Amino acid sequence: MQRVDCLKSVYAELEDCLVVTIMGAVAAELQSIGHRPNFFYLEHAMGLASSTGLGLALCLPEEKVVVLDGDGSLLMNLGSLSTMARYKPRNLVHIVFDNESLLSVGGFPTATSAGTDLEGIAQACGIPRSTTVRCLEDFTVAVSEALGADELSTIIAKVEATGPRVYVTDLTMLENRLEFSRCVRDRASRRAPEQPR
């Protein structure tokens, strides 16, 4: 299955979530479908989307947080799985697009191409819900169920090693950072109980 088709299949459900993506293909493809203020594209910080999402989920327990990760990125920060399992935020959904390569930086094979099992690692770390999906229908169902569950979830989506024609996005890092932080503040203020006058 294609990662962009996966993103399109759940795009509507991401509207009510805080979404953190890794750099490269995931960010470019998500933007090509349509940018929203609740999307944060974590450029130039490969490996840290899972940690950023964990921090958001812990600080904002009323928000559903979705991390759109990649196998190469997760492998650079594999300890984040054990940290997520340690704290088990019920509002965090971690989606890992596993194309068995570092597609955005030349297509070099990752450890998953030689048998590393990210779902097995997630389970061994203690993540309550973890699954691997290989077709679009299963992906859509897994994401919908994870978003509806009140439990930390990791979904490994086995996708083809193809990406966008170009990896350029039309949103600057500074603009995205400011817009996303405003979005987080606005959501938090709407959820805060009204103070007596």
N, C-alpha and C. Protein backbone atom coordinates (compact mmCIF):
# COMPACT_ATOMS: atom_id res chain seq x y z
N MET A 1 0.85 -1.19 0.00
CA MET A 1 0.00 0.00 0.00
C MET A 1 0.88 1.24 0.00
N GLN A 2 0.31 2.33 -0.46
CA GLN A 2 1.02 3.60 -0.54
C GLN A 2 0.74 4.43 0.72
N ARG A 3 1.77 5.07 1.23
CA ARG A 3 1.61 5.91 2.42
C ARG A 3 0.62 7.05 2.17
N VAL A 4 0.69 7.67 0.99
CA VAL A 4 -0.21 8.79 0.71
C VAL A 4 -1.66 8.33 0.73
N ASP A 5 -1.94 7.10 0.27
CA ASP A 5 -3.31 6.59 0.33
C ASP A 5 -3.75 6.36 1.78
N CYS A 6 -2.82 5.91 2.60
CA CYS A 6 -3.11 5.76 4.03
C CYS A 6 -3.49 7.11 4.64
N LEU A 7 -2.70 8.12 4.34
CA LEU A 7 -2.96 9.45 4.88
C LEU A 7 -4.32 9.98 4.42
N LYS A 8 -4.62 9.77 3.14
CA LYS A 8 -5.92 10.22 2.63
C LYS A 8 -7.07 9.50 3.32
N SER A 9 -6.88 8.23 3.62
CA SER A 9 -7.96 7.43 4.20
C SER A 9 -8.34 7.86 5.61
N VAL A 10 -7.41 8.49 6.33
CA VAL A 10 -7.70 8.90 7.72
C VAL A 10 -7.66 10.42 7.89
N TYR A 11 -7.49 11.15 6.80
CA TYR A 11 -7.32 12.60 6.86
C TYR A 11 -8.46 13.28 7.62
N ALA A 12 -9.68 12.89 7.35
CA ALA A 12 -10.84 13.52 8.01
C ALA A 12 -10.79 13.32 9.52
N GLU A 13 -10.32 12.15 9.95
CA GLU A 13 -10.27 11.85 11.39
C GLU A 13 -9.17 12.63 12.10
N LEU A 14 -8.20 13.14 11.36
CA LEU A 14 -7.10 13.89 11.98
C LEU A 14 -7.48 15.32 12.33
N GLU A 15 -8.63 15.76 11.87
CA GLU A 15 -9.03 17.16 12.10
C GLU A 15 -9.16 17.49 13.58
N ASP A 16 -9.59 16.54 14.38
CA ASP A 16 -9.81 16.79 15.80
C ASP A 16 -8.63 16.36 16.67
N CYS A 17 -7.49 16.05 16.06
CA CYS A 17 -6.31 15.60 16.80
C CYS A 17 -5.18 16.61 16.67
N LEU A 18 -4.21 16.51 17.57
CA LEU A 18 -2.94 17.19 17.36
C LEU A 18 -2.03 16.19 16.66
N VAL A 19 -1.48 16.59 15.52
CA VAL A 19 -0.73 15.67 14.67
C VAL A 19 0.72 16.11 14.56
N VAL A 20 1.64 15.20 14.85
CA VAL A 20 3.08 15.46 14.73
C VAL A 20 3.63 14.51 13.68
N THR A 21 4.34 15.05 12.69
CA THR A 21 4.93 14.20 11.67
C THR A 21 6.45 14.31 11.70
N ILE A 22 7.10 13.31 11.09
CA ILE A 22 8.53 13.39 10.87
C ILE A 22 8.80 14.22 9.63
N MET A 23 10.07 14.40 9.34
CA MET A 23 10.48 15.16 8.17
C MET A 23 10.25 14.34 6.89
N GLY A 24 10.46 14.97 5.76
CA GLY A 24 10.52 14.26 4.49
C GLY A 24 9.18 13.89 3.90
N ALA A 25 9.08 12.64 3.46
CA ALA A 25 7.94 12.19 2.67
C ALA A 25 6.61 12.33 3.41
N VAL A 26 6.58 11.97 4.69
CA VAL A 26 5.32 12.04 5.43
C VAL A 26 4.81 13.48 5.48
N ALA A 27 5.70 14.42 5.82
CA ALA A 27 5.31 15.82 5.89
C ALA A 27 4.85 16.34 4.53
N ALA A 28 5.61 16.03 3.49
CA ALA A 28 5.27 16.51 2.15
C ALA A 28 3.94 15.95 1.67
N GLU A 29 3.71 14.65 1.92
CA GLU A 29 2.47 14.04 1.46
C GLU A 29 1.27 14.54 2.26
N LEU A 30 1.44 14.72 3.57
CA LEU A 30 0.32 15.24 4.37
C LEU A 30 -0.03 16.66 3.93
N GLN A 31 0.99 17.49 3.69
CA GLN A 31 0.72 18.85 3.22
C GLN A 31 0.05 18.84 1.85
N SER A 32 0.42 17.89 1.00
CA SER A 32 -0.17 17.84 -0.35
C SER A 32 -1.67 17.54 -0.29
N ILE A 33 -2.10 16.85 0.75
CA ILE A 33 -3.53 16.55 0.92
C ILE A 33 -4.25 17.78 1.43
N GLY A 34 -3.58 18.55 2.28
CA GLY A 34 -4.18 19.78 2.81
C GLY A 34 -3.67 20.08 4.21
N HIS A 35 -3.01 21.21 4.36
CA HIS A 35 -2.48 21.59 5.67
C HIS A 35 -3.60 22.05 6.59
N ARG A 36 -3.42 21.77 7.87
CA ARG A 36 -4.31 22.27 8.92
C ARG A 36 -3.46 22.84 10.04
N PRO A 37 -3.99 23.79 10.81
CA PRO A 37 -3.21 24.39 11.90
C PRO A 37 -2.80 23.41 12.99
N ASN A 38 -3.49 22.28 13.08
CA ASN A 38 -3.18 21.28 14.12
C ASN A 38 -2.14 20.26 13.66
N PHE A 39 -1.48 20.52 12.51
CA PHE A 39 -0.42 19.66 12.00
C PHE A 39 0.94 20.29 12.29
N PHE A 40 1.82 19.55 12.93
CA PHE A 40 3.17 20.04 13.20
C PHE A 40 4.17 19.16 12.47
N TYR A 41 4.91 19.76 11.54
CA TYR A 41 5.87 19.04 10.73
C TYR A 41 7.25 19.18 11.37
N LEU A 42 7.73 18.11 11.96
CA LEU A 42 8.96 18.17 12.75
C LEU A 42 10.16 18.04 11.81
N GLU A 43 10.49 19.12 11.12
CA GLU A 43 11.62 19.11 10.18
C GLU A 43 12.95 19.15 10.93
N HIS A 44 13.94 18.55 10.34
CA HIS A 44 15.33 18.57 10.83
C HIS A 44 15.46 18.03 12.26
N ALA A 45 14.64 17.08 12.61
CA ALA A 45 14.73 16.46 13.94
C ALA A 45 14.35 14.99 13.83
N MET A 46 15.02 14.30 12.92
CA MET A 46 14.68 12.90 12.66
C MET A 46 14.79 12.07 13.93
N GLY A 47 13.76 11.29 14.19
CA GLY A 47 13.75 10.44 15.37
C GLY A 47 12.97 11.00 16.54
N LEU A 48 12.61 12.26 16.50
CA LEU A 48 12.03 12.90 17.68
C LEU A 48 10.51 13.11 17.61
N ALA A 49 9.87 12.65 16.55
CA ALA A 49 8.41 12.82 16.48
C ALA A 49 7.72 12.07 17.61
N SER A 50 8.19 10.85 17.90
CA SER A 50 7.55 10.06 18.97
C SER A 50 7.74 10.73 20.33
N SER A 51 8.91 11.30 20.56
CA SER A 51 9.15 12.00 21.84
C SER A 51 8.32 13.27 21.94
N THR A 52 8.22 14.01 20.84
CA THR A 52 7.40 15.23 20.83
C THR A 52 5.93 14.90 21.07
N GLY A 53 5.45 13.86 20.39
CA GLY A 53 4.06 13.44 20.59
C GLY A 53 3.79 12.99 22.01
N LEU A 54 4.75 12.26 22.59
CA LEU A 54 4.61 11.82 23.98
C LEU A 54 4.50 13.02 24.91
N GLY A 55 5.35 14.00 24.72
CA GLY A 55 5.30 15.20 25.56
C GLY A 55 3.96 15.91 25.45
N LEU A 56 3.46 16.06 24.22
CA LEU A 56 2.16 16.69 24.03
C LEU A 56 1.05 15.90 24.70
N ALA A 57 1.08 14.58 24.54
CA ALA A 57 0.04 13.73 25.11
C ALA A 57 0.02 13.81 26.63
N LEU A 58 1.19 13.87 27.24
CA LEU A 58 1.26 13.95 28.70
C LEU A 58 0.83 15.32 29.21
N CYS A 59 1.18 16.37 28.48
CA CYS A 59 0.84 17.73 28.92
C CYS A 59 -0.61 18.11 28.61
N LEU A 60 -1.18 17.45 27.59
CA LEU A 60 -2.53 17.79 27.14
C LEU A 60 -3.40 16.53 27.13
N PRO A 61 -3.73 16.00 28.31
CA PRO A 61 -4.44 14.72 28.37
C PRO A 61 -5.84 14.74 27.76
N GLU A 62 -6.41 15.91 27.55
CA GLU A 62 -7.74 15.99 26.95
C GLU A 62 -7.69 15.96 25.43
N GLU A 63 -6.50 16.06 24.86
CA GLU A 63 -6.35 16.06 23.40
C GLU A 63 -5.91 14.68 22.92
N LYS A 64 -6.43 14.27 21.78
CA LYS A 64 -5.94 13.06 21.12
C LYS A 64 -4.73 13.49 20.28
N VAL A 65 -3.60 12.82 20.50
CA VAL A 65 -2.36 13.14 19.80
C VAL A 65 -2.01 11.98 18.87
N VAL A 66 -1.72 12.31 17.62
CA VAL A 66 -1.34 11.30 16.62
C VAL A 66 0.06 11.62 16.12
N VAL A 67 0.95 10.64 16.20
CA VAL A 67 2.30 10.78 15.66
C VAL A 67 2.37 9.98 14.37
N LEU A 68 2.79 10.63 13.29
CA LEU A 68 3.00 9.97 12.01
C LEU A 68 4.50 9.82 11.83
N ASP A 69 5.00 8.62 12.03
CA ASP A 69 6.42 8.33 12.12
C ASP A 69 6.85 7.45 10.96
N GLY A 70 8.14 7.15 10.89
CA GLY A 70 8.67 6.24 9.90
C GLY A 70 9.59 5.24 10.56
N ASP A 71 9.86 4.13 9.88
CA ASP A 71 10.71 3.11 10.48
C ASP A 71 12.11 3.62 10.76
N GLY A 72 12.69 4.36 9.81
CA GLY A 72 14.03 4.89 10.02
C GLY A 72 14.08 5.86 11.18
N SER A 73 13.07 6.70 11.27
CA SER A 73 13.00 7.67 12.36
C SER A 73 12.84 6.99 13.71
N LEU A 74 11.94 6.02 13.79
CA LEU A 74 11.73 5.32 15.05
C LEU A 74 12.99 4.55 15.47
N LEU A 75 13.66 3.93 14.51
CA LEU A 75 14.87 3.17 14.83
C LEU A 75 15.98 4.07 15.39
N MET A 76 15.96 5.36 15.02
CA MET A 76 16.94 6.30 15.57
C MET A 76 16.66 6.65 17.03
N ASN A 77 15.43 6.41 17.47
CA ASN A 77 15.03 6.76 18.83
C ASN A 77 14.18 5.63 19.40
N LEU A 78 14.68 4.42 19.29
CA LEU A 78 13.90 3.24 19.66
C LEU A 78 13.50 3.25 21.14
N GLY A 79 14.30 3.91 21.96
CA GLY A 79 13.97 4.00 23.38
C GLY A 79 12.67 4.73 23.66
N SER A 80 12.17 5.48 22.67
CA SER A 80 10.90 6.19 22.90
C SER A 80 9.75 5.21 23.09
N LEU A 81 9.85 4.01 22.52
CA LEU A 81 8.80 3.01 22.74
C LEU A 81 8.71 2.60 24.21
N SER A 82 9.87 2.39 24.83
CA SER A 82 9.84 2.01 26.24
C SER A 82 9.40 3.18 27.11
N THR A 83 9.74 4.40 26.71
CA THR A 83 9.30 5.58 27.48
C THR A 83 7.80 5.76 27.34
N MET A 84 7.27 5.59 26.13
CA MET A 84 5.82 5.66 25.95
C MET A 84 5.12 4.60 26.79
N ALA A 85 5.67 3.39 26.77
CA ALA A 85 5.07 2.30 27.55
C ALA A 85 5.15 2.57 29.05
N ARG A 86 6.19 3.25 29.47
CA ARG A 86 6.36 3.58 30.90
C ARG A 86 5.23 4.49 31.38
N TYR A 87 4.89 5.49 30.56
CA TYR A 87 3.88 6.48 30.97
C TYR A 87 2.48 6.16 30.46
N LYS A 88 2.38 5.38 29.39
CA LYS A 88 1.10 4.92 28.82
C LYS A 88 0.03 6.01 28.69
N PRO A 89 0.32 7.10 28.00
CA PRO A 89 -0.74 8.10 27.81
C PRO A 89 -1.87 7.52 26.98
N ARG A 90 -3.07 7.59 27.49
CA ARG A 90 -4.23 6.97 26.85
C ARG A 90 -4.67 7.72 25.60
N ASN A 91 -4.13 8.91 25.40
CA ASN A 91 -4.56 9.75 24.29
C ASN A 91 -3.56 9.78 23.14
N LEU A 92 -2.60 8.85 23.12
CA LEU A 92 -1.54 8.87 22.10
C LEU A 92 -1.69 7.69 21.13
N VAL A 93 -1.70 8.02 19.85
CA VAL A 93 -1.71 7.02 18.78
C VAL A 93 -0.44 7.22 17.96
N HIS A 94 0.38 6.19 17.89
CA HIS A 94 1.68 6.25 17.21
C HIS A 94 1.60 5.40 15.95
N ILE A 95 1.60 6.06 14.79
CA ILE A 95 1.51 5.38 13.50
C ILE A 95 2.90 5.40 12.87
N VAL A 96 3.41 4.22 12.55
CA VAL A 96 4.76 4.11 11.96
C VAL A 96 4.62 3.56 10.55
N PHE A 97 4.98 4.39 9.56
CA PHE A 97 4.98 3.94 8.17
C PHE A 97 6.31 3.25 7.90
N ASP A 98 6.27 1.94 7.75
CA ASP A 98 7.47 1.12 7.59
C ASP A 98 7.65 0.73 6.13
N ASN A 99 8.55 1.45 5.44
CA ASN A 99 8.85 1.11 4.05
C ASN A 99 10.21 0.42 3.92
N GLU A 100 10.78 0.06 5.08
CA GLU A 100 12.04 -0.68 5.15
C GLU A 100 13.20 0.08 4.51
N SER A 101 13.09 1.41 4.49
CA SER A 101 14.18 2.20 3.90
C SER A 101 14.17 3.61 4.45
N LEU A 102 15.32 4.27 4.29
CA LEU A 102 15.42 5.70 4.60
C LEU A 102 15.14 6.45 3.30
N LEU A 103 13.89 6.44 2.90
CA LEU A 103 13.50 6.92 1.58
C LEU A 103 13.87 8.39 1.37
N SER A 104 13.65 9.21 2.40
CA SER A 104 13.84 10.65 2.25
C SER A 104 15.30 11.05 2.10
N VAL A 105 16.22 10.16 2.45
CA VAL A 105 17.65 10.50 2.37
C VAL A 105 18.42 9.52 1.50
N GLY A 106 17.76 8.98 0.49
CA GLY A 106 18.48 8.16 -0.46
C GLY A 106 18.00 6.73 -0.62
N GLY A 107 17.12 6.26 0.25
CA GLY A 107 16.55 4.93 0.10
C GLY A 107 17.38 3.79 0.65
N PHE A 108 18.32 4.10 1.54
CA PHE A 108 19.11 3.04 2.15
C PHE A 108 18.22 2.13 2.99
N PRO A 109 18.49 0.83 3.01
CA PRO A 109 17.63 -0.09 3.79
C PRO A 109 17.77 0.12 5.29
N THR A 110 16.67 -0.05 6.00
CA THR A 110 16.69 0.01 7.46
C THR A 110 16.71 -1.41 8.01
N ALA A 111 16.80 -1.51 9.32
CA ALA A 111 16.86 -2.83 9.97
C ALA A 111 15.59 -3.63 9.75
N THR A 112 14.46 -2.96 9.48
CA THR A 112 13.23 -3.73 9.26
C THR A 112 13.31 -4.53 7.96
N SER A 113 14.17 -4.11 7.04
CA SER A 113 14.33 -4.88 5.79
C SER A 113 15.06 -6.19 6.05
N ALA A 114 15.73 -6.29 7.20
CA ALA A 114 16.47 -7.51 7.55
C ALA A 114 15.79 -8.29 8.67
N GLY A 115 14.53 -7.93 8.98
CA GLY A 115 13.77 -8.74 9.93
C GLY A 115 13.43 -8.11 11.25
N THR A 116 13.92 -6.90 11.54
CA THR A 116 13.54 -6.26 12.80
C THR A 116 12.02 -6.04 12.83
N ASP A 117 11.40 -6.45 13.91
CA ASP A 117 9.94 -6.45 14.05
C ASP A 117 9.53 -5.34 15.00
N LEU A 118 9.07 -4.21 14.45
CA LEU A 118 8.72 -3.06 15.30
C LEU A 118 7.49 -3.34 16.16
N GLU A 119 6.54 -4.09 15.65
CA GLU A 119 5.39 -4.45 16.48
C GLU A 119 5.84 -5.30 17.66
N GLY A 120 6.71 -6.27 17.41
CA GLY A 120 7.22 -7.12 18.48
C GLY A 120 7.97 -6.33 19.53
N ILE A 121 8.74 -5.33 19.09
CA ILE A 121 9.49 -4.48 20.03
C ILE A 121 8.50 -3.66 20.87
N ALA A 122 7.48 -3.10 20.20
CA ALA A 122 6.47 -2.31 20.93
C ALA A 122 5.78 -3.17 21.98
N GLN A 123 5.42 -4.40 21.62
CA GLN A 123 4.77 -5.30 22.57
C GLN A 123 5.71 -5.63 23.73
N ALA A 124 6.97 -5.92 23.41
CA ALA A 124 7.94 -6.27 24.46
C ALA A 124 8.20 -5.10 25.40
N CYS A 125 8.06 -3.87 24.88
CA CYS A 125 8.24 -2.69 25.73
C CYS A 125 7.05 -2.48 26.66
N GLY A 126 5.89 -3.07 26.31
CA GLY A 126 4.72 -2.94 27.16
C GLY A 126 3.65 -2.01 26.62
N ILE A 127 3.71 -1.67 25.33
CA ILE A 127 2.66 -0.84 24.74
C ILE A 127 1.38 -1.67 24.65
N PRO A 128 0.28 -1.19 25.23
CA PRO A 128 -0.93 -2.01 25.37
C PRO A 128 -1.55 -2.47 24.06
N ARG A 129 -1.58 -1.59 23.05
CA ARG A 129 -2.18 -1.94 21.76
C ARG A 129 -1.12 -1.76 20.68
N SER A 130 -0.74 -2.83 20.03
CA SER A 130 0.18 -2.71 18.89
C SER A 130 -0.21 -3.72 17.83
N THR A 131 -0.12 -3.28 16.58
CA THR A 131 -0.52 -4.14 15.48
C THR A 131 0.27 -3.76 14.24
N THR A 132 0.38 -4.69 13.31
CA THR A 132 0.97 -4.44 12.00
C THR A 132 -0.11 -4.65 10.95
N VAL A 133 -0.21 -3.69 10.02
CA VAL A 133 -1.20 -3.80 8.94
C VAL A 133 -0.49 -3.72 7.59
N ARG A 134 -1.08 -4.40 6.61
CA ARG A 134 -0.45 -4.49 5.29
C ARG A 134 -1.37 -4.09 4.14
N CYS A 135 -2.60 -3.74 4.43
CA CYS A 135 -3.51 -3.30 3.37
C CYS A 135 -4.29 -2.07 3.88
N LEU A 136 -4.79 -1.30 2.92
CA LEU A 136 -5.42 -0.03 3.24
C LEU A 136 -6.65 -0.21 4.13
N GLU A 137 -7.46 -1.21 3.85
CA GLU A 137 -8.66 -1.43 4.65
C GLU A 137 -8.29 -1.70 6.11
N ASP A 138 -7.29 -2.55 6.33
CA ASP A 138 -6.86 -2.86 7.70
C ASP A 138 -6.27 -1.63 8.38
N PHE A 139 -5.55 -0.81 7.60
CA PHE A 139 -4.98 0.41 8.16
C PHE A 139 -6.08 1.34 8.65
N THR A 140 -7.07 1.57 7.80
CA THR A 140 -8.17 2.48 8.15
C THR A 140 -8.90 2.01 9.40
N VAL A 141 -9.16 0.72 9.47
CA VAL A 141 -9.85 0.16 10.64
C VAL A 141 -8.98 0.30 11.89
N ALA A 142 -7.69 -0.01 11.77
CA ALA A 142 -6.79 0.06 12.93
C ALA A 142 -6.70 1.48 13.48
N VAL A 143 -6.60 2.47 12.59
CA VAL A 143 -6.51 3.86 13.04
C VAL A 143 -7.81 4.30 13.68
N SER A 144 -8.94 3.97 13.07
CA SER A 144 -10.24 4.34 13.62
C SER A 144 -10.43 3.73 15.01
N GLU A 145 -10.06 2.47 15.16
CA GLU A 145 -10.19 1.81 16.47
C GLU A 145 -9.25 2.43 17.50
N ALA A 146 -8.03 2.74 17.09
CA ALA A 146 -7.07 3.35 18.02
C ALA A 146 -7.54 4.73 18.47
N LEU A 147 -8.10 5.52 17.54
CA LEU A 147 -8.59 6.85 17.90
C LEU A 147 -9.79 6.75 18.84
N GLY A 148 -10.56 5.69 18.70
CA GLY A 148 -11.72 5.52 19.57
C GLY A 148 -11.40 4.87 20.90
N ALA A 149 -10.23 4.29 21.00
CA ALA A 149 -9.84 3.61 22.24
C ALA A 149 -9.27 4.59 23.24
N ASP A 150 -9.31 4.22 24.47
CA ASP A 150 -8.75 5.05 25.55
C ASP A 150 -7.48 4.35 26.02
N GLU A 151 -6.52 4.18 25.06
CA GLU A 151 -5.34 3.38 25.36
C GLU A 151 -4.22 3.73 24.39
N LEU A 152 -3.01 3.76 24.89
CA LEU A 152 -1.83 3.97 24.05
C LEU A 152 -1.79 2.92 22.94
N SER A 153 -1.60 3.37 21.71
CA SER A 153 -1.62 2.46 20.57
C SER A 153 -0.45 2.72 19.63
N THR A 154 0.12 1.65 19.08
CA THR A 154 1.12 1.74 18.03
C THR A 154 0.66 0.91 16.85
N ILE A 155 0.66 1.53 15.67
CA ILE A 155 0.26 0.85 14.44
C ILE A 155 1.45 0.87 13.49
N ILE A 156 1.91 -0.30 13.08
CA ILE A 156 2.98 -0.40 12.10
C ILE A 156 2.32 -0.64 10.75
N ALA A 157 2.46 0.30 9.83
CA ALA A 157 1.84 0.20 8.51
C ALA A 157 2.94 -0.10 7.49
N LYS A 158 2.91 -1.30 6.94
CA LYS A 158 3.90 -1.70 5.94
C LYS A 158 3.50 -1.08 4.60
N VAL A 159 4.32 -0.13 4.14
CA VAL A 159 4.02 0.60 2.91
C VAL A 159 5.15 0.43 1.90
N GLU A 160 4.85 0.76 0.66
CA GLU A 160 5.85 0.67 -0.39
C GLU A 160 6.88 1.78 -0.24
N ALA A 161 8.07 1.54 -0.72
CA ALA A 161 9.15 2.52 -0.62
C ALA A 161 9.07 3.51 -1.78
N THR A 162 7.96 4.24 -1.82
CA THR A 162 7.78 5.29 -2.81
C THR A 162 7.36 6.55 -2.07
N GLY A 163 7.67 7.69 -2.66
CA GLY A 163 7.34 8.94 -2.00
C GLY A 163 6.93 10.00 -3.01
N PRO A 164 6.81 11.23 -2.53
CA PRO A 164 6.40 12.32 -3.42
C PRO A 164 7.50 12.64 -4.43
N ARG A 165 7.11 13.28 -5.51
CA ARG A 165 8.07 13.68 -6.54
C ARG A 165 9.11 14.63 -5.97
N VAL A 166 8.67 15.54 -5.11
CA VAL A 166 9.58 16.47 -4.44
C VAL A 166 9.24 16.50 -2.95
N TYR A 167 10.23 16.82 -2.15
CA TYR A 167 10.05 16.85 -0.70
C TYR A 167 9.94 18.27 -0.17
N VAL A 168 9.54 19.18 -1.03
CA VAL A 168 9.45 20.58 -0.65
C VAL A 168 8.05 20.88 -0.14
N THR A 169 7.98 21.64 0.94
CA THR A 169 6.69 22.10 1.45
C THR A 169 6.66 23.62 1.39
N ASP A 170 5.48 24.18 1.34
CA ASP A 170 5.37 25.64 1.18
C ASP A 170 5.12 26.36 2.50
N LEU A 171 5.37 25.69 3.60
CA LEU A 171 5.16 26.28 4.92
C LEU A 171 6.51 26.33 5.63
N THR A 172 6.92 27.51 6.06
CA THR A 172 8.21 27.61 6.73
C THR A 172 8.13 27.00 8.13
N MET A 173 9.29 26.56 8.63
CA MET A 173 9.33 25.96 9.96
C MET A 173 8.83 26.92 11.02
N LEU A 174 9.25 28.18 10.94
CA LEU A 174 8.84 29.18 11.94
C LEU A 174 7.34 29.40 11.89
N GLU A 175 6.81 29.54 10.67
CA GLU A 175 5.37 29.75 10.52
C GLU A 175 4.59 28.57 11.10
N ASN A 176 5.04 27.36 10.79
CA ASN A 176 4.37 26.16 11.30
C ASN A 176 4.44 26.09 12.82
N ARG A 177 5.60 26.39 13.37
CA ARG A 177 5.76 26.33 14.83
C ARG A 177 4.82 27.32 15.53
N LEU A 178 4.75 28.54 15.02
CA LEU A 178 3.90 29.56 15.64
C LEU A 178 2.42 29.21 15.48
N GLU A 179 2.04 28.76 14.29
CA GLU A 179 0.65 28.41 14.04
C GLU A 179 0.22 27.23 14.92
N PHE A 180 1.08 26.22 15.03
CA PHE A 180 0.74 25.05 15.83
C PHE A 180 0.63 25.42 17.31
N SER A 181 1.54 26.23 17.81
CA SER A 181 1.47 26.61 19.23
C SER A 181 0.22 27.43 19.52
N ARG A 182 -0.20 28.29 18.58
CA ARG A 182 -1.46 29.02 18.75
C ARG A 182 -2.64 28.06 18.78
N CYS A 183 -2.59 27.07 17.90
CA CYS A 183 -3.67 26.08 17.86
C CYS A 183 -3.76 25.33 19.18
N VAL A 184 -2.62 24.92 19.73
CA VAL A 184 -2.61 24.20 21.01
C VAL A 184 -3.16 25.09 22.12
N ARG A 185 -2.74 26.35 22.17
CA ARG A 185 -3.22 27.27 23.20
C ARG A 185 -4.73 27.50 23.07
N ASP A 186 -5.19 27.67 21.83
CA ASP A 186 -6.62 27.91 21.61
C ASP A 186 -7.45 26.71 22.07
N ARG A 187 -6.99 25.51 21.75
CA ARG A 187 -7.72 24.31 22.16
C ARG A 187 -7.73 24.18 23.68
N ALA A 188 -6.58 24.46 24.30
CA ALA A 188 -6.48 24.35 25.76
C ALA A 188 -7.40 25.36 26.44
N SER A 189 -7.46 26.58 25.88
CA SER A 189 -8.30 27.60 26.51
C SER A 189 -9.79 27.27 26.34
N ARG A 190 -10.16 26.65 25.22
CA ARG A 190 -11.56 26.26 25.02
C ARG A 190 -11.96 25.15 25.98
N ARG A 191 -11.01 24.29 26.35
CA ARG A 191 -11.31 23.18 27.25
C ARG A 191 -11.26 23.58 28.72
N ALA A 192 -10.59 24.69 29.00
CA ALA A 192 -10.43 25.11 30.41
C ALA A 192 -11.78 25.53 30.98
N PRO A 193 -12.06 25.18 32.22
CA PRO A 193 -13.31 25.61 32.84
C PRO A 193 -13.34 27.13 32.98
N GLU A 194 -14.51 27.70 32.78
CA GLU A 194 -14.62 29.16 32.86
C GLU A 194 -14.42 29.59 34.31
N GLN A 195 -13.57 30.60 34.47
CA GLN A 195 -13.27 31.11 35.80
C GLN A 195 -14.38 32.05 36.26
N PRO A 196 -14.75 31.98 37.55
CA PRO A 196 -15.78 32.89 38.05
C PRO A 196 -15.26 34.33 38.01
N ARG A 197 -16.15 35.27 37.77
CA ARG A 197 -15.74 36.68 37.70
C ARG A 197 -15.99 37.39 38.99
